[in-house]
Amino acid sequence: SSWTQVGIGQPGPSARLGAGLVYDAERREILLFGGIGAHGDTNETWVWNGESWTQKFPQLSPGARHGMGIAYDRVNKVVVLHGGLLYDDSIAFHDTWTWNGSEWRQESPATQPSLTNTAPVMTWDPVDQQVVLFTGAQDLWGWKNGQWNLIGNYPSGPAARSSPRRSRARAARDRGGRCRPAGRRAGSPAGRARRPTRPGSGSAASARRE
């Protein structure tokens, strides 16, 4: 097997770091949101159908950010996005959004996971039929029926990660098949990346903050 470059010469998202990327099984396309581009954080929404990129322009959208948690909810057939960081990681978002294929919707759960200045990790738990989120505070949360519920705290789990550029995380399952946090793979590279210059007033990818 080998990699094949596709979409050459076609319109598409610019190079960026810390974007959210997830497969939308209901619409059979990949969703890309946000990230840090040449002009700073963006709130662009793009979808890839296997052949080409299409930029979406929803009426309402999460604010510009990077390092957000994102996962597909197989029960409700929507993408769930939570949190994220702004440019220098000094501002953390605590909001939750869902994407139905054409529009973003801001959810209003009774409780929101607190992320401080860390990038969350999210995935789908097929056993408990919910999206799970692991925070830098080593809390594990579950998203179900429009609400976040704290599953537990795991102080012996992975340490907090302050930037998605250096984050390496994965989920493991216990004997019952449920998602539980697992440690970082030994010897995995941490890698550094240069930050882009701070965005100017003429940024083509400007986005409002929520």
N, C-alpha and C. Protein backbone atom coordinates (compact mmCIF):
# COMPACT_ATOMS: atom_id res chain seq x y z
N SER A 1 0.84 -1.19 0.00
CA SER A 1 0.00 0.00 0.00
C SER A 1 0.87 1.24 0.00
N SER A 2 0.32 2.35 -0.47
CA SER A 2 1.10 3.58 -0.56
C SER A 2 0.15 4.78 -0.54
N TRP A 3 0.73 5.94 -0.28
CA TRP A 3 -0.03 7.19 -0.28
C TRP A 3 -0.17 7.69 -1.71
N THR A 4 -1.34 8.28 -2.02
CA THR A 4 -1.57 8.91 -3.32
C THR A 4 -2.09 10.31 -3.07
N GLN A 5 -1.43 11.30 -3.64
CA GLN A 5 -1.88 12.68 -3.46
C GLN A 5 -3.09 12.94 -4.34
N VAL A 6 -4.12 13.52 -3.73
CA VAL A 6 -5.36 13.80 -4.47
C VAL A 6 -5.70 15.28 -4.33
N GLY A 7 -6.61 15.73 -5.18
CA GLY A 7 -7.05 17.12 -5.10
C GLY A 7 -6.01 18.13 -5.52
N ILE A 8 -5.03 17.71 -6.31
CA ILE A 8 -3.97 18.62 -6.74
C ILE A 8 -4.55 19.74 -7.60
N GLY A 9 -4.20 20.97 -7.26
CA GLY A 9 -4.67 22.11 -8.03
C GLY A 9 -6.09 22.54 -7.73
N GLN A 10 -6.78 21.85 -6.82
CA GLN A 10 -8.15 22.20 -6.48
C GLN A 10 -8.19 23.10 -5.25
N PRO A 11 -9.26 23.87 -5.09
CA PRO A 11 -9.40 24.69 -3.88
C PRO A 11 -9.45 23.80 -2.65
N GLY A 12 -8.91 24.30 -1.54
CA GLY A 12 -8.91 23.53 -0.31
C GLY A 12 -8.42 24.37 0.84
N PRO A 13 -8.47 23.83 2.06
CA PRO A 13 -7.99 24.59 3.23
C PRO A 13 -6.50 24.84 3.15
N SER A 14 -6.07 25.98 3.67
CA SER A 14 -4.65 26.31 3.70
C SER A 14 -3.94 25.47 4.75
N ALA A 15 -2.62 25.47 4.71
CA ALA A 15 -1.83 24.73 5.71
C ALA A 15 -2.13 25.29 7.09
N ARG A 16 -2.24 24.39 8.09
CA ARG A 16 -2.58 24.83 9.44
C ARG A 16 -2.17 23.79 10.47
N LEU A 17 -2.11 24.23 11.72
CA LEU A 17 -1.80 23.36 12.85
C LEU A 17 -2.99 23.29 13.79
N GLY A 18 -3.16 22.17 14.47
CA GLY A 18 -4.15 22.06 15.53
C GLY A 18 -5.59 22.11 15.09
N ALA A 19 -5.88 21.79 13.82
CA ALA A 19 -7.26 21.77 13.36
C ALA A 19 -7.98 20.53 13.87
N GLY A 20 -9.31 20.58 13.92
CA GLY A 20 -10.11 19.40 14.25
C GLY A 20 -10.45 18.65 12.99
N LEU A 21 -10.29 17.34 12.99
CA LEU A 21 -10.54 16.52 11.81
C LEU A 21 -11.24 15.24 12.25
N VAL A 22 -12.39 14.95 11.62
CA VAL A 22 -13.16 13.78 12.03
C VAL A 22 -13.98 13.27 10.85
N TYR A 23 -14.26 11.97 10.84
CA TYR A 23 -15.08 11.38 9.79
C TYR A 23 -16.55 11.43 10.19
N ASP A 24 -17.38 12.00 9.31
CA ASP A 24 -18.82 12.09 9.51
C ASP A 24 -19.46 10.91 8.77
N ALA A 25 -19.80 9.86 9.51
CA ALA A 25 -20.29 8.62 8.90
C ALA A 25 -21.65 8.79 8.23
N GLU A 26 -22.51 9.63 8.77
CA GLU A 26 -23.84 9.83 8.19
C GLU A 26 -23.76 10.44 6.81
N ARG A 27 -22.88 11.40 6.63
CA ARG A 27 -22.75 12.09 5.35
C ARG A 27 -21.58 11.58 4.51
N ARG A 28 -20.85 10.63 5.08
CA ARG A 28 -19.74 9.96 4.40
C ARG A 28 -18.73 10.98 3.87
N GLU A 29 -18.33 11.88 4.76
CA GLU A 29 -17.33 12.88 4.42
C GLU A 29 -16.51 13.23 5.65
N ILE A 30 -15.36 13.83 5.42
CA ILE A 30 -14.47 14.24 6.51
C ILE A 30 -14.70 15.72 6.79
N LEU A 31 -14.85 16.05 8.06
CA LEU A 31 -15.04 17.45 8.47
C LEU A 31 -13.75 17.99 9.05
N LEU A 32 -13.36 19.18 8.62
CA LEU A 32 -12.20 19.88 9.16
C LEU A 32 -12.67 21.21 9.70
N PHE A 33 -12.25 21.53 10.94
CA PHE A 33 -12.63 22.82 11.53
C PHE A 33 -11.42 23.48 12.18
N GLY A 34 -11.34 24.81 11.98
CA GLY A 34 -10.39 25.65 12.71
C GLY A 34 -8.92 25.36 12.44
N GLY A 35 -8.09 25.64 13.45
CA GLY A 35 -6.65 25.48 13.33
C GLY A 35 -5.94 26.82 13.21
N ILE A 36 -4.62 26.78 13.31
CA ILE A 36 -3.80 27.99 13.17
C ILE A 36 -3.19 28.00 11.78
N GLY A 37 -3.54 29.01 11.00
CA GLY A 37 -2.98 29.18 9.66
C GLY A 37 -1.96 30.30 9.65
N ALA A 38 -1.64 30.78 8.46
CA ALA A 38 -0.63 31.82 8.31
C ALA A 38 -1.05 33.12 8.98
N HIS A 39 -2.35 33.33 9.16
CA HIS A 39 -2.84 34.58 9.74
C HIS A 39 -3.43 34.37 11.13
N GLY A 40 -3.09 33.27 11.77
CA GLY A 40 -3.59 33.02 13.12
C GLY A 40 -4.73 32.02 13.14
N ASP A 41 -5.45 31.98 14.26
CA ASP A 41 -6.56 31.05 14.41
C ASP A 41 -7.70 31.37 13.43
N THR A 42 -8.37 30.31 12.98
CA THR A 42 -9.48 30.47 12.05
C THR A 42 -10.67 29.66 12.54
N ASN A 43 -11.85 29.99 12.06
CA ASN A 43 -13.03 29.17 12.34
C ASN A 43 -13.64 28.64 11.05
N GLU A 44 -12.81 28.40 10.07
CA GLU A 44 -13.28 27.85 8.80
C GLU A 44 -13.79 26.42 8.98
N THR A 45 -14.83 26.08 8.22
CA THR A 45 -15.38 24.73 8.17
C THR A 45 -15.25 24.20 6.75
N TRP A 46 -14.59 23.04 6.61
CA TRP A 46 -14.40 22.40 5.30
C TRP A 46 -14.85 20.95 5.38
N VAL A 47 -15.31 20.41 4.25
CA VAL A 47 -15.63 18.98 4.18
C VAL A 47 -14.95 18.37 2.96
N TRP A 48 -14.52 17.12 3.11
CA TRP A 48 -13.85 16.37 2.04
C TRP A 48 -14.70 15.15 1.71
N ASN A 49 -15.11 15.03 0.44
CA ASN A 49 -16.00 13.94 0.04
C ASN A 49 -15.28 12.76 -0.61
N GLY A 50 -13.95 12.77 -0.53
CA GLY A 50 -13.16 11.71 -1.15
C GLY A 50 -12.54 12.13 -2.46
N GLU A 51 -13.04 13.23 -3.01
CA GLU A 51 -12.52 13.72 -4.28
C GLU A 51 -12.14 15.20 -4.23
N SER A 52 -12.87 15.98 -3.45
CA SER A 52 -12.60 17.43 -3.42
C SER A 52 -13.04 18.03 -2.09
N TRP A 53 -12.46 19.20 -1.78
CA TRP A 53 -12.81 19.97 -0.59
C TRP A 53 -13.91 20.97 -0.92
N THR A 54 -14.81 21.19 0.02
CA THR A 54 -15.83 22.22 -0.11
C THR A 54 -15.88 23.02 1.18
N GLN A 55 -15.76 24.35 1.09
CA GLN A 55 -15.86 25.17 2.28
C GLN A 55 -17.33 25.47 2.57
N LYS A 56 -17.72 25.32 3.83
CA LYS A 56 -19.08 25.60 4.25
C LYS A 56 -19.14 26.98 4.90
N PHE A 57 -20.28 27.62 4.76
CA PHE A 57 -20.46 28.96 5.33
C PHE A 57 -21.75 28.99 6.16
N PRO A 58 -21.74 28.33 7.31
CA PRO A 58 -22.92 28.30 8.17
C PRO A 58 -23.21 29.67 8.77
N GLN A 59 -24.48 29.90 9.13
CA GLN A 59 -24.86 31.18 9.73
C GLN A 59 -24.20 31.37 11.09
N LEU A 60 -24.09 30.31 11.85
CA LEU A 60 -23.50 30.37 13.18
C LEU A 60 -22.34 29.39 13.22
N SER A 61 -21.27 29.76 13.92
CA SER A 61 -20.08 28.92 13.94
C SER A 61 -19.31 29.11 15.24
N PRO A 62 -18.61 28.08 15.71
CA PRO A 62 -17.72 28.27 16.86
C PRO A 62 -16.68 29.34 16.56
N GLY A 63 -16.20 30.02 17.58
CA GLY A 63 -15.16 31.03 17.40
C GLY A 63 -13.86 30.41 16.93
N ALA A 64 -12.99 31.24 16.37
CA ALA A 64 -11.68 30.77 15.89
C ALA A 64 -10.92 30.12 17.03
N ARG A 65 -10.25 28.98 16.73
CA ARG A 65 -9.55 28.24 17.77
C ARG A 65 -8.72 27.13 17.14
N HIS A 66 -7.90 26.50 17.98
CA HIS A 66 -7.16 25.29 17.60
C HIS A 66 -7.16 24.35 18.79
N GLY A 67 -6.77 23.12 18.60
CA GLY A 67 -6.64 22.19 19.72
C GLY A 67 -7.95 21.79 20.37
N MET A 68 -9.04 21.85 19.63
CA MET A 68 -10.34 21.47 20.19
C MET A 68 -10.49 19.94 20.20
N GLY A 69 -11.41 19.45 21.03
CA GLY A 69 -11.77 18.04 20.97
C GLY A 69 -12.89 17.88 19.96
N ILE A 70 -12.85 16.80 19.17
CA ILE A 70 -13.88 16.60 18.15
C ILE A 70 -14.08 15.11 17.92
N ALA A 71 -15.34 14.70 17.79
CA ALA A 71 -15.65 13.28 17.59
C ALA A 71 -17.03 13.16 16.96
N TYR A 72 -17.30 12.00 16.36
CA TYR A 72 -18.59 11.77 15.72
C TYR A 72 -19.50 11.00 16.67
N ASP A 73 -20.72 11.52 16.85
CA ASP A 73 -21.74 10.89 17.69
C ASP A 73 -22.59 9.99 16.80
N ARG A 74 -22.40 8.68 16.91
CA ARG A 74 -23.09 7.74 16.03
C ARG A 74 -24.57 7.58 16.35
N VAL A 75 -24.98 7.91 17.57
CA VAL A 75 -26.39 7.81 17.93
C VAL A 75 -27.18 8.96 17.33
N ASN A 76 -26.70 10.17 17.52
CA ASN A 76 -27.41 11.36 17.05
C ASN A 76 -26.98 11.80 15.66
N LYS A 77 -25.95 11.12 15.11
CA LYS A 77 -25.50 11.38 13.74
C LYS A 77 -25.06 12.83 13.53
N VAL A 78 -24.31 13.33 14.53
CA VAL A 78 -23.73 14.67 14.44
C VAL A 78 -22.28 14.62 14.91
N VAL A 79 -21.52 15.62 14.51
CA VAL A 79 -20.16 15.79 15.02
C VAL A 79 -20.24 16.65 16.27
N VAL A 80 -19.51 16.26 17.30
CA VAL A 80 -19.48 17.02 18.56
C VAL A 80 -18.12 17.67 18.70
N LEU A 81 -18.10 18.96 18.97
CA LEU A 81 -16.86 19.72 19.17
C LEU A 81 -16.90 20.35 20.55
N HIS A 82 -15.79 20.25 21.26
CA HIS A 82 -15.74 20.89 22.58
C HIS A 82 -14.39 21.57 22.81
N GLY A 83 -14.48 22.79 23.38
CA GLY A 83 -13.28 23.49 23.83
C GLY A 83 -12.35 23.94 22.72
N GLY A 84 -11.09 24.07 23.09
CA GLY A 84 -10.08 24.56 22.17
C GLY A 84 -9.32 25.71 22.79
N LEU A 85 -8.29 26.14 22.09
CA LEU A 85 -7.41 27.19 22.59
C LEU A 85 -7.28 28.30 21.57
N LEU A 86 -6.93 29.49 22.06
CA LEU A 86 -6.74 30.64 21.18
C LEU A 86 -5.27 30.98 21.09
N TYR A 87 -4.81 31.20 19.90
CA TYR A 87 -3.43 31.53 19.49
C TYR A 87 -2.31 31.08 20.42
N ASP A 88 -2.07 31.80 21.53
CA ASP A 88 -0.91 31.50 22.37
C ASP A 88 -1.25 30.55 23.52
N ASP A 89 -2.39 29.88 23.43
CA ASP A 89 -2.84 28.91 24.43
C ASP A 89 -3.23 29.54 25.76
N SER A 90 -3.30 30.88 25.82
CA SER A 90 -3.61 31.54 27.08
C SER A 90 -5.11 31.63 27.33
N ILE A 91 -5.92 31.42 26.29
CA ILE A 91 -7.37 31.47 26.41
C ILE A 91 -7.93 30.11 26.04
N ALA A 92 -8.72 29.53 26.94
CA ALA A 92 -9.33 28.23 26.69
C ALA A 92 -10.84 28.38 26.58
N PHE A 93 -11.43 27.71 25.59
CA PHE A 93 -12.88 27.72 25.43
C PHE A 93 -13.48 26.56 26.22
N HIS A 94 -14.73 26.74 26.66
CA HIS A 94 -15.43 25.69 27.41
C HIS A 94 -16.80 25.42 26.80
N ASP A 95 -16.95 25.69 25.50
CA ASP A 95 -18.24 25.54 24.85
C ASP A 95 -18.35 24.22 24.09
N THR A 96 -19.57 23.81 23.82
CA THR A 96 -19.84 22.57 23.10
C THR A 96 -20.74 22.87 21.90
N TRP A 97 -20.35 22.34 20.73
CA TRP A 97 -21.08 22.56 19.49
C TRP A 97 -21.34 21.23 18.80
N THR A 98 -22.41 21.18 17.99
CA THR A 98 -22.67 20.01 17.16
C THR A 98 -22.85 20.44 15.71
N TRP A 99 -22.43 19.57 14.79
CA TRP A 99 -22.49 19.85 13.35
C TRP A 99 -23.38 18.79 12.70
N ASN A 100 -24.42 19.23 11.98
CA ASN A 100 -25.38 18.30 11.37
C ASN A 100 -25.18 18.12 9.87
N GLY A 101 -24.07 18.62 9.36
CA GLY A 101 -23.80 18.50 7.93
C GLY A 101 -23.96 19.81 7.18
N SER A 102 -24.70 20.75 7.77
CA SER A 102 -24.88 22.04 7.12
C SER A 102 -24.78 23.22 8.08
N GLU A 103 -25.08 22.98 9.38
CA GLU A 103 -25.07 24.07 10.35
C GLU A 103 -24.44 23.63 11.67
N TRP A 104 -23.79 24.60 12.34
CA TRP A 104 -23.30 24.40 13.69
C TRP A 104 -24.39 24.83 14.67
N ARG A 105 -24.50 24.11 15.77
CA ARG A 105 -25.45 24.45 16.83
C ARG A 105 -24.72 24.48 18.16
N GLN A 106 -24.82 25.58 18.89
CA GLN A 106 -24.20 25.64 20.22
C GLN A 106 -25.11 24.96 21.23
N GLU A 107 -24.57 23.99 21.93
CA GLU A 107 -25.33 23.25 22.93
C GLU A 107 -25.26 23.96 24.28
N SER A 108 -26.23 23.66 25.13
CA SER A 108 -26.29 24.31 26.45
C SER A 108 -26.44 23.26 27.55
N PRO A 109 -25.43 22.42 27.74
CA PRO A 109 -25.50 21.42 28.81
C PRO A 109 -25.42 22.08 30.18
N ALA A 110 -25.91 21.37 31.20
CA ALA A 110 -25.89 21.91 32.55
C ALA A 110 -24.48 22.08 33.08
N THR A 111 -23.56 21.23 32.62
CA THR A 111 -22.17 21.27 33.06
C THR A 111 -21.26 21.19 31.85
N GLN A 112 -20.15 21.95 31.87
CA GLN A 112 -19.16 21.90 30.80
C GLN A 112 -17.82 21.44 31.39
N PRO A 113 -17.13 20.50 30.76
CA PRO A 113 -15.79 20.13 31.23
C PRO A 113 -14.86 21.34 31.20
N SER A 114 -14.06 21.52 32.24
CA SER A 114 -13.10 22.61 32.30
C SER A 114 -11.78 22.15 31.71
N LEU A 115 -11.23 22.94 30.78
CA LEU A 115 -10.04 22.52 30.06
C LEU A 115 -8.81 23.34 30.40
N THR A 116 -8.94 24.41 31.15
CA THR A 116 -7.82 25.35 31.43
C THR A 116 -7.09 25.64 30.13
N ASN A 117 -5.77 25.38 30.07
CA ASN A 117 -5.02 25.70 28.85
C ASN A 117 -4.52 24.42 28.18
N THR A 118 -5.32 23.37 28.26
CA THR A 118 -4.92 22.10 27.67
C THR A 118 -5.85 21.70 26.53
N ALA A 119 -5.34 20.88 25.63
CA ALA A 119 -6.13 20.41 24.50
C ALA A 119 -6.77 19.07 24.86
N PRO A 120 -8.10 18.96 24.74
CA PRO A 120 -8.78 17.72 25.09
C PRO A 120 -8.62 16.66 24.01
N VAL A 121 -8.90 15.42 24.37
CA VAL A 121 -8.90 14.31 23.42
C VAL A 121 -10.29 13.68 23.46
N MET A 122 -10.90 13.47 22.29
CA MET A 122 -12.25 12.93 22.23
C MET A 122 -12.33 11.75 21.28
N THR A 123 -13.25 10.82 21.56
CA THR A 123 -13.50 9.69 20.67
C THR A 123 -14.88 9.13 20.98
N TRP A 124 -15.31 8.14 20.19
CA TRP A 124 -16.60 7.50 20.38
C TRP A 124 -16.44 6.19 21.14
N ASP A 125 -17.29 5.99 22.13
CA ASP A 125 -17.31 4.75 22.91
C ASP A 125 -18.51 3.93 22.44
N PRO A 126 -18.28 2.86 21.65
CA PRO A 126 -19.40 2.09 21.10
C PRO A 126 -20.13 1.24 22.13
N VAL A 127 -19.51 0.96 23.27
CA VAL A 127 -20.16 0.15 24.29
C VAL A 127 -21.18 0.98 25.08
N ASP A 128 -20.74 2.11 25.60
CA ASP A 128 -21.64 2.99 26.34
C ASP A 128 -22.42 3.93 25.43
N GLN A 129 -22.14 3.86 24.12
CA GLN A 129 -22.87 4.66 23.13
C GLN A 129 -22.84 6.14 23.47
N GLN A 130 -21.61 6.66 23.65
CA GLN A 130 -21.45 8.07 23.95
C GLN A 130 -20.08 8.55 23.49
N VAL A 131 -19.97 9.86 23.30
CA VAL A 131 -18.68 10.49 23.04
C VAL A 131 -17.97 10.64 24.38
N VAL A 132 -16.68 10.32 24.43
CA VAL A 132 -15.92 10.52 25.66
C VAL A 132 -14.82 11.54 25.44
N LEU A 133 -14.52 12.31 26.47
CA LEU A 133 -13.54 13.38 26.42
C LEU A 133 -12.60 13.25 27.60
N PHE A 134 -11.29 13.34 27.33
CA PHE A 134 -10.28 13.30 28.38
C PHE A 134 -9.60 14.66 28.45
N THR A 135 -9.57 15.27 29.64
CA THR A 135 -9.06 16.63 29.80
C THR A 135 -7.65 16.62 30.37
N GLY A 136 -7.03 17.79 30.33
CA GLY A 136 -5.70 17.95 30.92
C GLY A 136 -5.72 17.83 32.43
N ALA A 137 -6.91 17.96 33.04
CA ALA A 137 -7.04 17.77 34.48
C ALA A 137 -7.21 16.29 34.81
N GLN A 138 -7.07 15.44 33.80
CA GLN A 138 -7.16 13.98 33.94
C GLN A 138 -8.55 13.51 34.32
N ASP A 139 -9.56 14.29 33.90
CA ASP A 139 -10.95 13.89 34.07
C ASP A 139 -11.44 13.24 32.79
N LEU A 140 -12.29 12.24 32.92
CA LEU A 140 -12.91 11.59 31.77
C LEU A 140 -14.40 11.90 31.82
N TRP A 141 -14.92 12.49 30.72
CA TRP A 141 -16.31 12.90 30.63
C TRP A 141 -17.01 12.14 29.52
N GLY A 142 -18.32 11.99 29.66
CA GLY A 142 -19.13 11.37 28.62
C GLY A 142 -20.21 12.33 28.14
N TRP A 143 -20.41 12.39 26.81
CA TRP A 143 -21.45 13.24 26.21
C TRP A 143 -22.58 12.34 25.73
N LYS A 144 -23.77 12.51 26.33
CA LYS A 144 -24.91 11.66 26.00
C LYS A 144 -26.20 12.43 26.26
N ASN A 145 -27.13 12.34 25.32
CA ASN A 145 -28.42 13.02 25.46
C ASN A 145 -28.28 14.51 25.72
N GLY A 146 -27.30 15.12 25.07
CA GLY A 146 -27.12 16.56 25.17
C GLY A 146 -26.52 17.05 26.46
N GLN A 147 -25.92 16.15 27.25
CA GLN A 147 -25.34 16.54 28.53
C GLN A 147 -23.97 15.90 28.72
N TRP A 148 -23.09 16.62 29.44
CA TRP A 148 -21.80 16.08 29.86
C TRP A 148 -21.94 15.48 31.26
N ASN A 149 -21.40 14.29 31.44
CA ASN A 149 -21.40 13.64 32.74
C ASN A 149 -19.98 13.18 33.07
N LEU A 150 -19.51 13.50 34.28
CA LEU A 150 -18.18 13.11 34.70
C LEU A 150 -18.14 11.60 34.96
N ILE A 151 -17.28 10.89 34.24
CA ILE A 151 -17.14 9.45 34.43
C ILE A 151 -16.19 9.16 35.58
N GLY A 152 -15.10 9.92 35.67
CA GLY A 152 -14.15 9.73 36.75
C GLY A 152 -12.89 10.53 36.54
N ASN A 153 -12.05 10.54 37.57
CA ASN A 153 -10.76 11.22 37.50
C ASN A 153 -9.67 10.17 37.58
N TYR A 154 -8.63 10.32 36.74
CA TYR A 154 -7.58 9.31 36.64
C TYR A 154 -6.22 9.96 36.85
N PRO A 155 -5.84 10.22 38.11
CA PRO A 155 -4.56 10.90 38.39
C PRO A 155 -3.35 10.12 37.92
N SER A 156 -3.48 8.82 37.73
CA SER A 156 -2.35 8.03 37.23
C SER A 156 -2.36 7.91 35.72
N GLY A 157 -3.30 8.60 35.07
CA GLY A 157 -3.41 8.56 33.62
C GLY A 157 -2.43 9.51 32.96
N PRO A 158 -2.64 9.81 31.67
CA PRO A 158 -1.73 10.71 30.96
C PRO A 158 -1.66 12.08 31.61
N ALA A 159 -0.48 12.69 31.59
CA ALA A 159 -0.31 14.03 32.16
C ALA A 159 -0.94 15.07 31.26
N ALA A 160 -1.16 16.28 31.81
CA ALA A 160 -1.74 17.37 31.05
C ALA A 160 -0.85 17.74 29.88
N ARG A 161 -1.48 18.12 28.78
CA ARG A 161 -0.75 18.53 27.58
C ARG A 161 -1.19 19.94 27.23
N SER A 162 -0.24 20.87 27.16
CA SER A 162 -0.59 22.27 26.98
C SER A 162 -0.76 22.68 25.54
N SER A 163 -0.35 21.86 24.59
CA SER A 163 -0.44 22.27 23.19
C SER A 163 -0.68 21.06 22.31
N PRO A 164 -1.57 21.19 21.31
CA PRO A 164 -1.81 20.07 20.41
C PRO A 164 -0.60 19.72 19.56
N ARG A 165 0.34 20.65 19.43
CA ARG A 165 1.52 20.37 18.62
C ARG A 165 2.39 19.29 19.27
N ARG A 166 2.30 19.18 20.60
CA ARG A 166 3.16 18.25 21.31
C ARG A 166 2.35 17.11 21.94
N SER A 167 1.06 17.11 21.63
CA SER A 167 0.20 16.12 22.25
C SER A 167 0.22 14.80 21.50
N ARG A 168 0.33 13.72 22.26
CA ARG A 168 0.18 12.38 21.71
C ARG A 168 -0.71 11.64 22.69
N ALA A 169 -1.92 11.29 22.27
CA ALA A 169 -2.83 10.60 23.19
C ALA A 169 -3.60 9.54 22.44
N ARG A 170 -4.02 8.53 23.17
CA ARG A 170 -4.81 7.48 22.58
C ARG A 170 -5.75 6.93 23.63
N ALA A 171 -6.71 6.15 23.22
CA ALA A 171 -7.66 5.57 24.16
C ALA A 171 -7.52 4.07 24.15
N ALA A 172 -7.64 3.47 25.29
CA ALA A 172 -7.60 2.02 25.40
C ALA A 172 -8.92 1.54 25.96
N ARG A 173 -9.20 0.28 25.87
CA ARG A 173 -10.43 -0.26 26.39
C ARG A 173 -10.13 -1.23 27.53
N ASP A 174 -11.00 -1.21 28.52
CA ASP A 174 -10.85 -2.17 29.59
C ASP A 174 -11.44 -3.49 29.15
N ARG A 175 -11.48 -4.46 30.03
CA ARG A 175 -11.95 -5.79 29.63
C ARG A 175 -13.41 -5.79 29.20
N GLY A 176 -14.15 -4.79 29.65
CA GLY A 176 -15.55 -4.69 29.25
C GLY A 176 -15.74 -3.98 27.93
N GLY A 177 -14.65 -3.50 27.33
CA GLY A 177 -14.73 -2.83 26.05
C GLY A 177 -14.95 -1.34 26.13
N ARG A 178 -15.01 -0.77 27.35
CA ARG A 178 -15.26 0.66 27.49
C ARG A 178 -13.97 1.45 27.33
N CYS A 179 -14.13 2.68 26.82
CA CYS A 179 -12.96 3.53 26.61
C CYS A 179 -12.42 3.99 27.95
N ARG A 180 -11.10 3.90 28.13
CA ARG A 180 -10.42 4.42 29.29
C ARG A 180 -9.11 5.04 28.84
N PRO A 181 -8.64 6.09 29.53
CA PRO A 181 -7.40 6.73 29.11
C PRO A 181 -6.22 5.79 29.24
N ALA A 182 -5.29 5.89 28.28
CA ALA A 182 -4.08 5.08 28.33
C ALA A 182 -2.89 6.00 28.21
N GLY A 183 -1.72 5.55 28.64
CA GLY A 183 -0.53 6.39 28.63
C GLY A 183 0.00 6.64 27.24
N ARG A 184 0.85 7.62 27.17
CA ARG A 184 1.50 7.97 25.92
C ARG A 184 2.47 6.87 25.52
N ARG A 185 2.52 6.53 24.25
CA ARG A 185 3.39 5.49 23.79
C ARG A 185 4.84 5.85 24.03
N ALA A 186 5.58 4.94 24.61
CA ALA A 186 6.98 5.20 24.93
C ALA A 186 7.78 5.52 23.69
N GLY A 187 8.57 6.58 23.78
CA GLY A 187 9.46 6.94 22.67
C GLY A 187 8.80 7.70 21.56
N SER A 188 7.51 8.06 21.70
CA SER A 188 6.86 8.79 20.63
C SER A 188 7.42 10.20 20.58
N PRO A 189 7.65 10.75 19.38
CA PRO A 189 8.26 12.07 19.25
C PRO A 189 7.34 13.16 19.72
N ALA A 190 7.92 14.18 20.32
CA ALA A 190 7.13 15.31 20.80
C ALA A 190 7.09 16.42 19.78
N GLY A 191 8.11 16.55 18.96
CA GLY A 191 8.12 17.48 17.85
C GLY A 191 7.80 18.92 18.21
N ARG A 192 8.46 19.85 17.63
CA ARG A 192 8.17 21.27 17.84
C ARG A 192 7.77 21.89 16.52
N ALA A 193 7.01 22.96 16.61
CA ALA A 193 6.60 23.67 15.41
C ALA A 193 6.68 25.16 15.70
N ARG A 194 7.12 25.92 14.73
CA ARG A 194 7.20 27.36 14.91
C ARG A 194 5.81 27.94 14.86
N ARG A 195 5.56 28.91 15.73
CA ARG A 195 4.28 29.60 15.69
C ARG A 195 4.27 30.59 14.53
N PRO A 196 3.12 30.75 13.89
CA PRO A 196 3.03 31.78 12.86
C PRO A 196 3.04 33.16 13.49
N THR A 197 3.25 34.18 12.67
CA THR A 197 3.24 35.54 13.18
C THR A 197 1.84 35.87 13.67
N ARG A 198 1.75 36.77 14.63
CA ARG A 198 0.44 37.14 15.18
C ARG A 198 -0.41 37.75 14.09
N PRO A 199 -1.70 37.38 14.05
CA PRO A 199 -2.56 37.87 12.98
C PRO A 199 -2.68 39.38 12.94
N GLY A 200 -2.73 39.92 11.71
CA GLY A 200 -2.89 41.36 11.54
C GLY A 200 -4.33 41.73 11.27
N SER A 201 -4.57 42.99 11.06
CA SER A 201 -5.94 43.45 10.88
C SER A 201 -6.51 43.02 9.54
N GLY A 202 -5.65 42.66 8.59
CA GLY A 202 -6.13 42.29 7.26
C GLY A 202 -6.23 40.81 7.07
N SER A 203 -6.34 40.03 8.12
CA SER A 203 -6.38 38.58 8.01
C SER A 203 -7.53 38.11 7.16
N ALA A 204 -7.21 37.24 6.19
CA ALA A 204 -8.25 36.70 5.32
C ALA A 204 -9.05 35.63 6.02
N ALA A 205 -8.52 35.10 7.09
CA ALA A 205 -9.22 34.03 7.80
C ALA A 205 -9.71 34.50 9.16
N SER A 206 -10.08 35.78 9.24
CA SER A 206 -10.52 36.32 10.52
C SER A 206 -11.80 35.64 10.96
N ALA A 207 -11.95 35.53 12.27
CA ALA A 207 -13.16 34.89 12.81
C ALA A 207 -13.51 35.56 14.11
N ARG A 208 -14.79 35.61 14.36
CA ARG A 208 -15.19 36.25 15.60
C ARG A 208 -15.02 35.30 16.76
N ARG A 209 -14.78 35.87 17.93
CA ARG A 209 -14.70 35.07 19.14
C ARG A 209 -16.08 34.99 19.76
N GLU A 210 -16.32 33.84 20.37
CA GLU A 210 -17.58 33.68 21.06
C GLU A 210 -17.47 34.27 22.46
